[in-house]
Amino acid sequence: MLASQRRATILGLVEDSGAARVSDLVDQLGVSDMTIRRDIEQLATEGLVERVHGGALAMGRRSSEEPGFTAKSALMQAQKNAIAHAAAQLVEPGAAIGISAGTTTFEFARAVRHVPDLTVVTNSVPVAQLLHESGTPGQTVVLTGGVRTPSDALVGPVAVAALRMLHVDRLFLGVHGMDARAGLTTPNLVEAETNQALVDTARRVCVLADHTKWGTVGLSTIIPLSAVDLLVTDPGLTPRARQAVTDAGVEMVLATAATARTPRPLREQA
């Protein structure tokens, strides 16, 4: 296959699914990791894809477009894992927490699935299934019900009605985008309303989002940035974005593999 043909194939795969992972492209096209990375870099230079850690993201998504759970799962995996494990250190046995839908929050659920006597309120089908299958003693999962979205969230009036009766110590919220002006956003109007209801259940709101979410603005605002208590992100967040978070009065943890292994300082920051 010629380089131009290979790049056209990569572009087609990215546009079809919204994203593509380098390792998957290596397997599908039978070329080296370095070749795929060069192809993605060339496509990014031409403005056809967005190059991200570990893969490529489709360009030109409208603010109302919502990538599926599988497409988003392929992106920023190391960062999501570090964020999840750092945030998991905030969870004590016996706590009641909320977990919103999303791929980063799914990794967080994986990190806390063995915490005993934990009560989890969630509108995420994958999160509920993961925790149900863990079999951890005393763990209770409350799944809201509602209409299922492409991101495997349960949303709508049924979910909102269920959440109005519930109260949790801390909500771990995943978002489509973060912006100093627009706040936390999602491309789904109904999901925004459901996430607002999740926020209302919680005494503290902890946002789990990697640095690529900064500057992305979805159709609907969930809450302003100033309504967040703690942001757990990764060191890729730019200095300007960090300053905007600080100016909004939000505490911040920059999660790495190292910080994920040091639980006590994170609890003190929270």
C-alpha atoms as a PDB file:
ATOM      1  CA  MET A   1       0.000   0.000   0.000  1.00  0.00           C
ATOM      2  CA  LEU A   2       1.308   3.447  -0.921  1.00  0.00           C
ATOM      3  CA  ALA A   3       1.737   6.032   1.834  1.00  0.00           C
ATOM      4  CA  SER A   4      -1.059   8.144   0.366  1.00  0.00           C
ATOM      5  CA  GLN A   5      -3.393   5.143   0.323  1.00  0.00           C
ATOM      6  CA  ARG A   6      -2.467   4.247   3.893  1.00  0.00           C
ATOM      7  CA  ARG A   7      -3.160   7.792   5.098  1.00  0.00           C
ATOM      8  CA  ALA A   8      -6.491   7.815   3.293  1.00  0.00           C
ATOM      9  CA  THR A   9      -7.360   4.565   5.067  1.00  0.00           C
ATOM     10  CA  ILE A  10      -6.369   6.015   8.435  1.00  0.00           C
ATOM     11  CA  LEU A  11      -8.414   9.145   7.779  1.00  0.00           C
ATOM     12  CA  GLY A  12     -11.440   7.053   6.865  1.00  0.00           C
ATOM     13  CA  LEU A  13     -11.153   4.972  10.036  1.00  0.00           C
ATOM     14  CA  VAL A  14     -10.817   8.074  12.213  1.00  0.00           C
ATOM     15  CA  GLU A  15     -13.786   9.781  10.586  1.00  0.00           C
ATOM     16  CA  ASP A  16     -15.952   6.667  10.851  1.00  0.00           C
ATOM     17  CA  SER A  17     -15.387   6.078  14.580  1.00  0.00           C
ATOM     18  CA  GLY A  18     -14.404   9.560  15.750  1.00  0.00           C
ATOM     19  CA  ALA A  19     -10.983   8.342  16.891  1.00  0.00           C
ATOM     20  CA  ALA A  20      -8.328   5.720  16.249  1.00  0.00           C
ATOM     21  CA  ARG A  21      -5.574   4.279  18.405  1.00  0.00           C
ATOM     22  CA  VAL A  22      -2.027   3.815  17.090  1.00  0.00           C
ATOM     23  CA  SER A  23      -1.822   0.206  18.276  1.00  0.00           C
ATOM     24  CA  ASP A  24      -5.077  -0.690  16.493  1.00  0.00           C
ATOM     25  CA  LEU A  25      -3.896   0.956  13.261  1.00  0.00           C
ATOM     26  CA  VAL A  26      -0.615  -0.972  13.456  1.00  0.00           C
ATOM     27  CA  ASP A  27      -2.572  -4.235  13.656  1.00  0.00           C
ATOM     28  CA  GLN A  28      -5.000  -3.318  10.880  1.00  0.00           C
ATOM     29  CA  LEU A  29      -2.469  -1.956   8.403  1.00  0.00           C
ATOM     30  CA  GLY A  30       0.485  -4.223   9.171  1.00  0.00           C
ATOM     31  CA  VAL A  31       3.077  -1.452   9.449  1.00  0.00           C
ATOM     32  CA  SER A  32       5.279  -0.195  12.253  1.00  0.00           C
ATOM     33  CA  ASP A  33       4.257   2.005  15.131  1.00  0.00           C
ATOM     34  CA  MET A  34       6.616   4.715  13.877  1.00  0.00           C
ATOM     35  CA  THR A  35       5.061   4.646  10.402  1.00  0.00           C
ATOM     36  CA  ILE A  36       1.567   5.121  11.804  1.00  0.00           C
ATOM     37  CA  ARG A  37       2.736   7.993  13.991  1.00  0.00           C
ATOM     38  CA  ARG A  38       4.340   9.687  10.981  1.00  0.00           C
ATOM     39  CA  ASP A  39       1.125   9.228   8.999  1.00  0.00           C
ATOM     40  CA  ILE A  40      -0.951  10.746  11.803  1.00  0.00           C
ATOM     41  CA  GLU A  41       1.477  13.638  12.113  1.00  0.00           C
ATOM     42  CA  GLN A  42       1.175  14.296   8.375  1.00  0.00           C
ATOM     43  CA  LEU A  43      -2.622  14.158   8.509  1.00  0.00           C
ATOM     44  CA  ALA A  44      -2.562  16.529  11.486  1.00  0.00           C
ATOM     45  CA  THR A  45      -0.274  18.932   9.611  1.00  0.00           C
ATOM     46  CA  GLU A  46      -2.784  18.953   6.774  1.00  0.00           C
ATOM     47  CA  GLY A  47      -5.571  19.739   9.248  1.00  0.00           C
ATOM     48  CA  LEU A  48      -7.401  16.469   8.615  1.00  0.00           C
ATOM     49  CA  VAL A  49      -7.130  14.923  12.095  1.00  0.00           C
ATOM     50  CA  GLU A  50      -6.178  16.024  15.587  1.00  0.00           C
ATOM     51  CA  ARG A  51      -3.085  14.237  16.876  1.00  0.00           C
ATOM     52  CA  VAL A  52      -3.455  13.174  20.513  1.00  0.00           C
ATOM     53  CA  HIS A  53      -1.440  10.943  22.812  1.00  0.00           C
ATOM     54  CA  GLY A  54      -1.737   7.376  21.510  1.00  0.00           C
ATOM     55  CA  GLY A  55      -3.816   8.095  18.437  1.00  0.00           C
ATOM     56  CA  ALA A  56      -5.854  10.527  16.386  1.00  0.00           C
ATOM     57  CA  LEU A  57      -9.164  12.315  16.824  1.00  0.00           C
ATOM     58  CA  ALA A  58     -11.543  13.379  14.071  1.00  0.00           C
ATOM     59  CA  MET A  59     -11.525  17.083  13.272  1.00  0.00           C
ATOM     60  CA  GLY A  60     -14.456  19.416  12.807  1.00  0.00           C
ATOM     61  CA  ARG A  61     -16.816  17.925  15.357  1.00  0.00           C
ATOM     62  CA  ARG A  62     -19.797  20.169  15.937  1.00  0.00           C
ATOM     63  CA  SER A  63     -20.716  21.205  19.458  1.00  0.00           C
ATOM     64  CA  SER A  64     -23.756  18.911  19.342  1.00  0.00           C
ATOM     65  CA  GLU A  65     -21.838  15.820  18.213  1.00  0.00           C
ATOM     66  CA  GLU A  66     -21.254  13.130  20.820  1.00  0.00           C
ATOM     67  CA  PRO A  67     -18.543  10.478  20.283  1.00  0.00           C
ATOM     68  CA  GLY A  68     -19.399   6.960  21.428  1.00  0.00           C
ATOM     69  CA  PHE A  69     -18.011   5.260  24.524  1.00  0.00           C
ATOM     70  CA  THR A  70     -15.699   2.958  22.512  1.00  0.00           C
ATOM     71  CA  ALA A  71     -14.192   5.810  20.476  1.00  0.00           C
ATOM     72  CA  LYS A  72     -13.442   7.876  23.572  1.00  0.00           C
ATOM     73  CA  SER A  73     -12.026   4.877  25.444  1.00  0.00           C
ATOM     74  CA  ALA A  74      -9.172   4.658  22.930  1.00  0.00           C
ATOM     75  CA  LEU A  75      -7.824   8.116  23.788  1.00  0.00           C
ATOM     76  CA  MET A  76      -5.453   9.346  26.522  1.00  0.00           C
ATOM     77  CA  GLN A  77      -5.421   5.990  28.278  1.00  0.00           C
ATOM     78  CA  ALA A  78      -2.315   6.559  30.433  1.00  0.00           C
ATOM     79  CA  GLN A  79      -3.619   9.937  31.584  1.00  0.00           C
ATOM     80  CA  LYS A  80      -7.074   8.568  32.364  1.00  0.00           C
ATOM     81  CA  ASN A  81      -5.537   5.748  34.381  1.00  0.00           C
ATOM     82  CA  ALA A  82      -3.391   8.157  36.434  1.00  0.00           C
ATOM     83  CA  ILE A  83      -6.343  10.486  37.008  1.00  0.00           C
ATOM     84  CA  ALA A  84      -8.551   7.585  38.089  1.00  0.00           C
ATOM     85  CA  HIS A  85      -6.058   6.216  40.590  1.00  0.00           C
ATOM     86  CA  ALA A  86      -5.303   9.650  42.040  1.00  0.00           C
ATOM     87  CA  ALA A  87      -9.020  10.346  42.513  1.00  0.00           C
ATOM     88  CA  ALA A  88      -9.595   6.874  44.001  1.00  0.00           C
ATOM     89  CA  GLN A  89      -7.429   7.845  46.963  1.00  0.00           C
ATOM     90  CA  LEU A  90     -10.156  10.271  48.010  1.00  0.00           C
ATOM     91  CA  VAL A  91     -12.615   7.416  48.584  1.00  0.00           C
ATOM     92  CA  GLU A  92     -12.870   5.796  52.018  1.00  0.00           C
ATOM     93  CA  PRO A  93     -14.734   2.593  52.944  1.00  0.00           C
ATOM     94  CA  GLY A  94     -18.331   3.344  53.862  1.00  0.00           C
ATOM     95  CA  ALA A  95     -18.585   6.486  51.729  1.00  0.00           C
ATOM     96  CA  ALA A  96     -21.505   7.370  49.469  1.00  0.00           C
ATOM     97  CA  ILE A  97     -20.305   8.692  46.106  1.00  0.00           C
ATOM     98  CA  GLY A  98     -21.718   9.599  42.729  1.00  0.00           C
ATOM     99  CA  ILE A  99     -20.058   8.579  39.467  1.00  0.00           C
ATOM    100  CA  SER A 100     -21.221  10.128  36.209  1.00  0.00           C
ATOM    101  CA  ALA A 101     -20.991   8.466  32.815  1.00  0.00           C
ATOM    102  CA  GLY A 102     -17.751   8.708  30.839  1.00  0.00           C
ATOM    103  CA  THR A 103     -14.570   6.842  30.012  1.00  0.00           C
ATOM    104  CA  THR A 104     -12.421   8.528  32.669  1.00  0.00           C
ATOM    105  CA  THR A 105     -15.047   7.933  35.320  1.00  0.00           C
ATOM    106  CA  PHE A 106     -15.253   4.313  34.169  1.00  0.00           C
ATOM    107  CA  GLU A 107     -11.521   3.971  34.898  1.00  0.00           C
ATOM    108  CA  PHE A 108     -12.168   5.592  38.269  1.00  0.00           C
ATOM    109  CA  ALA A 109     -14.883   3.012  38.978  1.00  0.00           C
ATOM    110  CA  ARG A 110     -12.380   0.302  38.130  1.00  0.00           C
ATOM    111  CA  ALA A 111      -9.960   1.837  40.652  1.00  0.00           C
ATOM    112  CA  VAL A 112     -12.522   1.858  43.500  1.00  0.00           C
ATOM    113  CA  ARG A 113     -14.340  -1.375  42.718  1.00  0.00           C
ATOM    114  CA  HIS A 114     -12.769  -3.195  45.687  1.00  0.00           C
ATOM    115  CA  VAL A 115     -13.488  -0.497  48.302  1.00  0.00           C
ATOM    116  CA  PRO A 116     -15.756  -2.201  50.879  1.00  0.00           C
ATOM    117  CA  ASP A 117     -19.102  -0.852  52.098  1.00  0.00           C
ATOM    118  CA  LEU A 118     -19.192   1.706  49.316  1.00  0.00           C
ATOM    119  CA  THR A 119     -22.485   3.134  48.069  1.00  0.00           C
ATOM    120  CA  VAL A 120     -22.339   4.334  44.463  1.00  0.00           C
ATOM    121  CA  VAL A 121     -25.004   6.358  42.676  1.00  0.00           C
ATOM    122  CA  THR A 122     -24.463   6.355  38.912  1.00  0.00           C
ATOM    123  CA  ASN A 123     -26.178   6.980  35.598  1.00  0.00           C
ATOM    124  CA  SER A 124     -23.551   4.939  33.740  1.00  0.00           C
ATOM    125  CA  VAL A 125     -24.458   1.466  32.529  1.00  0.00           C
ATOM    126  CA  PRO A 126     -20.784   0.329  32.188  1.00  0.00           C
ATOM    127  CA  VAL A 127     -19.940   1.638  35.676  1.00  0.00           C
ATOM    128  CA  ALA A 128     -22.897  -0.142  37.252  1.00  0.00           C
ATOM    129  CA  GLN A 129     -22.032  -3.399  35.462  1.00  0.00           C
ATOM    130  CA  LEU A 130     -18.366  -3.184  36.469  1.00  0.00           C
ATOM    131  CA  LEU A 131     -19.174  -2.620  40.137  1.00  0.00           C
ATOM    132  CA  HIS A 132     -21.895  -5.285  40.151  1.00  0.00           C
ATOM    133  CA  GLU A 133     -19.423  -7.851  38.834  1.00  0.00           C
ATOM    134  CA  SER A 134     -16.756  -6.958  41.418  1.00  0.00           C
ATOM    135  CA  GLY A 135     -18.641  -8.757  44.204  1.00  0.00           C
ATOM    136  CA  THR A 136     -17.094  -6.503  46.863  1.00  0.00           C
ATOM    137  CA  PRO A 137     -18.635  -7.025  50.337  1.00  0.00           C
ATOM    138  CA  GLY A 138     -21.161  -4.410  51.391  1.00  0.00           C
ATOM    139  CA  GLN A 139     -20.991  -2.484  48.133  1.00  0.00           C
ATOM    140  CA  THR A 140     -24.297  -1.010  46.926  1.00  0.00           C
ATOM    141  CA  VAL A 141     -24.897   0.347  43.424  1.00  0.00           C
ATOM    142  CA  VAL A 142     -27.839   2.619  42.632  1.00  0.00           C
ATOM    143  CA  LEU A 143     -28.460   2.906  38.871  1.00  0.00           C
ATOM    144  CA  THR A 144     -30.723   5.813  38.001  1.00  0.00           C
ATOM    145  CA  GLY A 145     -32.601   4.473  35.005  1.00  0.00           C
ATOM    146  CA  GLY A 146     -33.425   6.677  32.032  1.00  0.00           C
ATOM    147  CA  VAL A 147     -32.804   6.886  28.277  1.00  0.00           C
ATOM    148  CA  ARG A 148     -29.423   5.614  27.065  1.00  0.00           C
ATOM    149  CA  THR A 149     -27.098   7.970  25.109  1.00  0.00           C
ATOM    150  CA  PRO A 150     -24.174   7.133  22.731  1.00  0.00           C
ATOM    151  CA  SER A 151     -21.829   7.585  25.712  1.00  0.00           C
ATOM    152  CA  ASP A 152     -23.771   4.908  27.656  1.00  0.00           C
ATOM    153  CA  ALA A 153     -25.264   7.459  30.050  1.00  0.00           C
ATOM    154  CA  LEU A 154     -28.813   7.128  31.356  1.00  0.00           C
ATOM    155  CA  VAL A 155     -30.474  10.535  31.091  1.00  0.00           C
ATOM    156  CA  GLY A 156     -33.826  12.279  31.073  1.00  0.00           C
ATOM    157  CA  PRO A 157     -36.723  12.817  33.499  1.00  0.00           C
ATOM    158  CA  VAL A 158     -36.569   9.318  34.997  1.00  0.00           C
ATOM    159  CA  ALA A 159     -32.884   9.772  35.903  1.00  0.00           C
ATOM    160  CA  VAL A 160     -33.458  13.304  37.215  1.00  0.00           C
ATOM    161  CA  ALA A 161     -36.422  12.189  39.369  1.00  0.00           C
ATOM    162  CA  ALA A 162     -34.357   9.394  40.926  1.00  0.00           C
ATOM    163  CA  LEU A 163     -31.451  11.737  41.674  1.00  0.00           C
ATOM    164  CA  ARG A 164     -33.637  14.327  43.406  1.00  0.00           C
ATOM    165  CA  MET A 165     -34.151  11.866  46.276  1.00  0.00           C
ATOM    166  CA  LEU A 166     -30.463  11.046  46.779  1.00  0.00           C
ATOM    167  CA  HIS A 167     -27.474  12.561  48.574  1.00  0.00           C
ATOM    168  CA  VAL A 168     -23.777  11.641  48.273  1.00  0.00           C
ATOM    169  CA  ASP A 169     -20.571  12.801  49.924  1.00  0.00           C
ATOM    170  CA  ARG A 170     -18.748  13.482  46.681  1.00  0.00           C
ATOM    171  CA  LEU A 171     -19.518  13.356  42.973  1.00  0.00           C
ATOM    172  CA  PHE A 172     -16.868  12.245  40.479  1.00  0.00           C
ATOM    173  CA  LEU A 173     -17.892  13.931  37.261  1.00  0.00           C
ATOM    174  CA  GLY A 174     -16.622  13.316  33.745  1.00  0.00           C
ATOM    175  CA  VAL A 175     -17.076  16.004  31.110  1.00  0.00           C
ATOM    176  CA  HIS A 176     -16.938  16.452  27.345  1.00  0.00           C
ATOM    177  CA  GLY A 177     -15.226  19.832  27.622  1.00  0.00           C
ATOM    178  CA  MET A 178     -13.866  22.457  30.022  1.00  0.00           C
ATOM    179  CA  ASP A 179     -13.566  26.162  29.340  1.00  0.00           C
ATOM    180  CA  ALA A 180     -12.995  29.245  31.476  1.00  0.00           C
ATOM    181  CA  ARG A 181     -16.090  30.980  30.078  1.00  0.00           C
ATOM    182  CA  ALA A 182     -18.393  28.111  29.093  1.00  0.00           C
ATOM    183  CA  GLY A 183     -17.582  25.995  32.146  1.00  0.00           C
ATOM    184  CA  LEU A 184     -18.132  22.243  32.009  1.00  0.00           C
ATOM    185  CA  THR A 185     -20.039  21.233  28.901  1.00  0.00           C
ATOM    186  CA  THR A 186     -21.619  18.317  27.068  1.00  0.00           C
ATOM    187  CA  PRO A 187     -22.978  17.986  23.505  1.00  0.00           C
ATOM    188  CA  ASN A 188     -26.188  16.423  24.854  1.00  0.00           C
ATOM    189  CA  LEU A 189     -28.832  18.791  26.254  1.00  0.00           C
ATOM    190  CA  VAL A 190     -30.598  16.086  28.236  1.00  0.00           C
ATOM    191  CA  GLU A 191     -27.322  14.765  29.656  1.00  0.00           C
ATOM    192  CA  ALA A 192     -26.500  18.285  30.849  1.00  0.00           C
ATOM    193  CA  GLU A 193     -29.745  18.355  32.842  1.00  0.00           C
ATOM    194  CA  THR A 194     -29.049  14.916  34.306  1.00  0.00           C
ATOM    195  CA  ASN A 195     -25.494  15.869  35.251  1.00  0.00           C
ATOM    196  CA  GLN A 196     -26.838  19.009  36.934  1.00  0.00           C
ATOM    197  CA  ALA A 197     -29.070  16.739  39.000  1.00  0.00           C
ATOM    198  CA  LEU A 198     -26.030  14.626  39.885  1.00  0.00           C
ATOM    199  CA  VAL A 199     -24.200  17.771  40.996  1.00  0.00           C
ATOM    200  CA  ASP A 200     -27.157  18.703  43.213  1.00  0.00           C
ATOM    201  CA  THR A 201     -26.855  15.384  45.083  1.00  0.00           C
ATOM    202  CA  ALA A 202     -23.258  16.038  46.160  1.00  0.00           C
ATOM    203  CA  ARG A 203     -21.608  17.961  48.955  1.00  0.00           C
ATOM    204  CA  ARG A 204     -18.427  18.234  46.870  1.00  0.00           C
ATOM    205  CA  VAL A 205     -17.861  18.020  43.107  1.00  0.00           C
ATOM    206  CA  CYS A 206     -14.685  16.422  41.780  1.00  0.00           C
ATOM    207  CA  VAL A 207     -14.124  16.647  38.016  1.00  0.00           C
ATOM    208  CA  LEU A 208     -12.001  13.982  36.316  1.00  0.00           C
ATOM    209  CA  ALA A 209     -10.748  15.204  32.941  1.00  0.00           C
ATOM    210  CA  ASP A 210      -7.507  14.978  30.984  1.00  0.00           C
ATOM    211  CA  HIS A 211      -5.903  18.100  29.541  1.00  0.00           C
ATOM    212  CA  THR A 212      -7.331  17.613  26.032  1.00  0.00           C
ATOM    213  CA  LYS A 213     -10.788  18.484  27.398  1.00  0.00           C
ATOM    214  CA  TRP A 214      -9.636  22.058  28.040  1.00  0.00           C
ATOM    215  CA  GLY A 215     -10.887  24.471  25.370  1.00  0.00           C
ATOM    216  CA  THR A 216     -13.541  22.042  24.112  1.00  0.00           C
ATOM    217  CA  VAL A 217     -17.028  23.530  24.313  1.00  0.00           C
ATOM    218  CA  GLY A 218     -20.109  21.367  23.928  1.00  0.00           C
ATOM    219  CA  LEU A 219     -23.629  22.535  23.194  1.00  0.00           C
ATOM    220  CA  SER A 220     -24.817  22.773  26.795  1.00  0.00           C
ATOM    221  CA  THR A 221     -23.186  23.947  30.026  1.00  0.00           C
ATOM    222  CA  ILE A 222     -23.484  21.646  33.028  1.00  0.00           C
ATOM    223  CA  ILE A 223     -22.062  24.005  35.664  1.00  0.00           C
ATOM    224  CA  PRO A 224     -19.620  26.931  35.657  1.00  0.00           C
ATOM    225  CA  LEU A 225     -15.990  26.195  36.433  1.00  0.00           C
ATOM    226  CA  SER A 226     -16.316  28.013  39.767  1.00  0.00           C
ATOM    227  CA  ALA A 227     -18.856  25.421  40.966  1.00  0.00           C
ATOM    228  CA  VAL A 228     -16.165  22.706  40.950  1.00  0.00           C
ATOM    229  CA  ASP A 229     -14.395  21.875  44.216  1.00  0.00           C
ATOM    230  CA  LEU A 230     -11.547  19.781  42.818  1.00  0.00           C
ATOM    231  CA  LEU A 231     -10.189  19.093  39.331  1.00  0.00           C
ATOM    232  CA  VAL A 232      -8.059  15.994  38.841  1.00  0.00           C
ATOM    233  CA  THR A 233      -6.274  16.288  35.517  1.00  0.00           C
ATOM    234  CA  ASP A 234      -2.799  15.591  34.099  1.00  0.00           C
ATOM    235  CA  PRO A 235       0.376  17.671  33.724  1.00  0.00           C
ATOM    236  CA  GLY A 236      -0.407  18.308  30.061  1.00  0.00           C
ATOM    237  CA  LEU A 237      -2.761  21.106  31.119  1.00  0.00           C
ATOM    238  CA  THR A 238      -1.207  24.364  29.919  1.00  0.00           C
ATOM    239  CA  PRO A 239      -0.011  27.045  32.364  1.00  0.00           C
ATOM    240  CA  ARG A 240      -2.711  29.398  31.089  1.00  0.00           C
ATOM    241  CA  ALA A 241      -5.419  26.802  31.708  1.00  0.00           C
ATOM    242  CA  ARG A 242      -4.010  26.063  35.174  1.00  0.00           C
ATOM    243  CA  GLN A 243      -4.202  29.763  35.993  1.00  0.00           C
ATOM    244  CA  ALA A 244      -7.822  29.899  34.838  1.00  0.00           C
ATOM    245  CA  VAL A 245      -8.662  26.960  37.105  1.00  0.00           C
ATOM    246  CA  THR A 246      -6.913  28.614  40.055  1.00  0.00           C
ATOM    247  CA  ASP A 247      -8.612  31.949  39.356  1.00  0.00           C
ATOM    248  CA  ALA A 248     -11.976  30.167  39.498  1.00  0.00           C
ATOM    249  CA  GLY A 249     -11.168  29.017  43.038  1.00  0.00           C
ATOM    250  CA  VAL A 250     -10.852  25.346  42.098  1.00  0.00           C
ATOM    251  CA  GLU A 251      -8.356  23.040  43.799  1.00  0.00           C
ATOM    252  CA  MET A 252      -6.321  20.991  41.347  1.00  0.00           C
ATOM    253  CA  VAL A 253      -4.341  17.746  41.314  1.00  0.00           C
ATOM    254  CA  LEU A 254      -2.036  16.992  38.375  1.00  0.00           C
ATOM    255  CA  ALA A 255      -2.084  13.210  38.332  1.00  0.00           C
ATOM    256  CA  THR A 256       0.873  11.104  37.254  1.00  0.00           C
ATOM    257  CA  ALA A 257       1.771   7.492  37.930  1.00  0.00           C
ATOM    258  CA  ALA A 258       3.834   8.787  40.876  1.00  0.00           C
ATOM    259  CA  THR A 259       1.076  10.894  42.472  1.00  0.00           C
ATOM    260  CA  ALA A 260      -1.315   7.975  42.131  1.00  0.00           C
ATOM    261  CA  ARG A 261       0.879   6.066  44.577  1.00  0.00           C
ATOM    262  CA  THR A 262       0.891   8.793  47.251  1.00  0.00           C
ATOM    263  CA  PRO A 263      -2.589   8.868  48.761  1.00  0.00           C
ATOM    264  CA  ARG A 264      -2.171  11.013  51.873  1.00  0.00           C
ATOM    265  CA  PRO A 265      -1.233  14.335  50.224  1.00  0.00           C
ATOM    266  CA  LEU A 266      -4.214  14.062  47.875  1.00  0.00           C
ATOM    267  CA  ARG A 267      -6.662  13.668  50.739  1.00  0.00           C
ATOM    268  CA  GLU A 268      -5.167  16.723  52.390  1.00  0.00           C
ATOM    269  CA  GLN A 269      -5.617  18.751  49.194  1.00  0.00           C
ATOM    270  CA  ALA A 270      -9.236  17.711  48.907  1.00  0.00           C
END
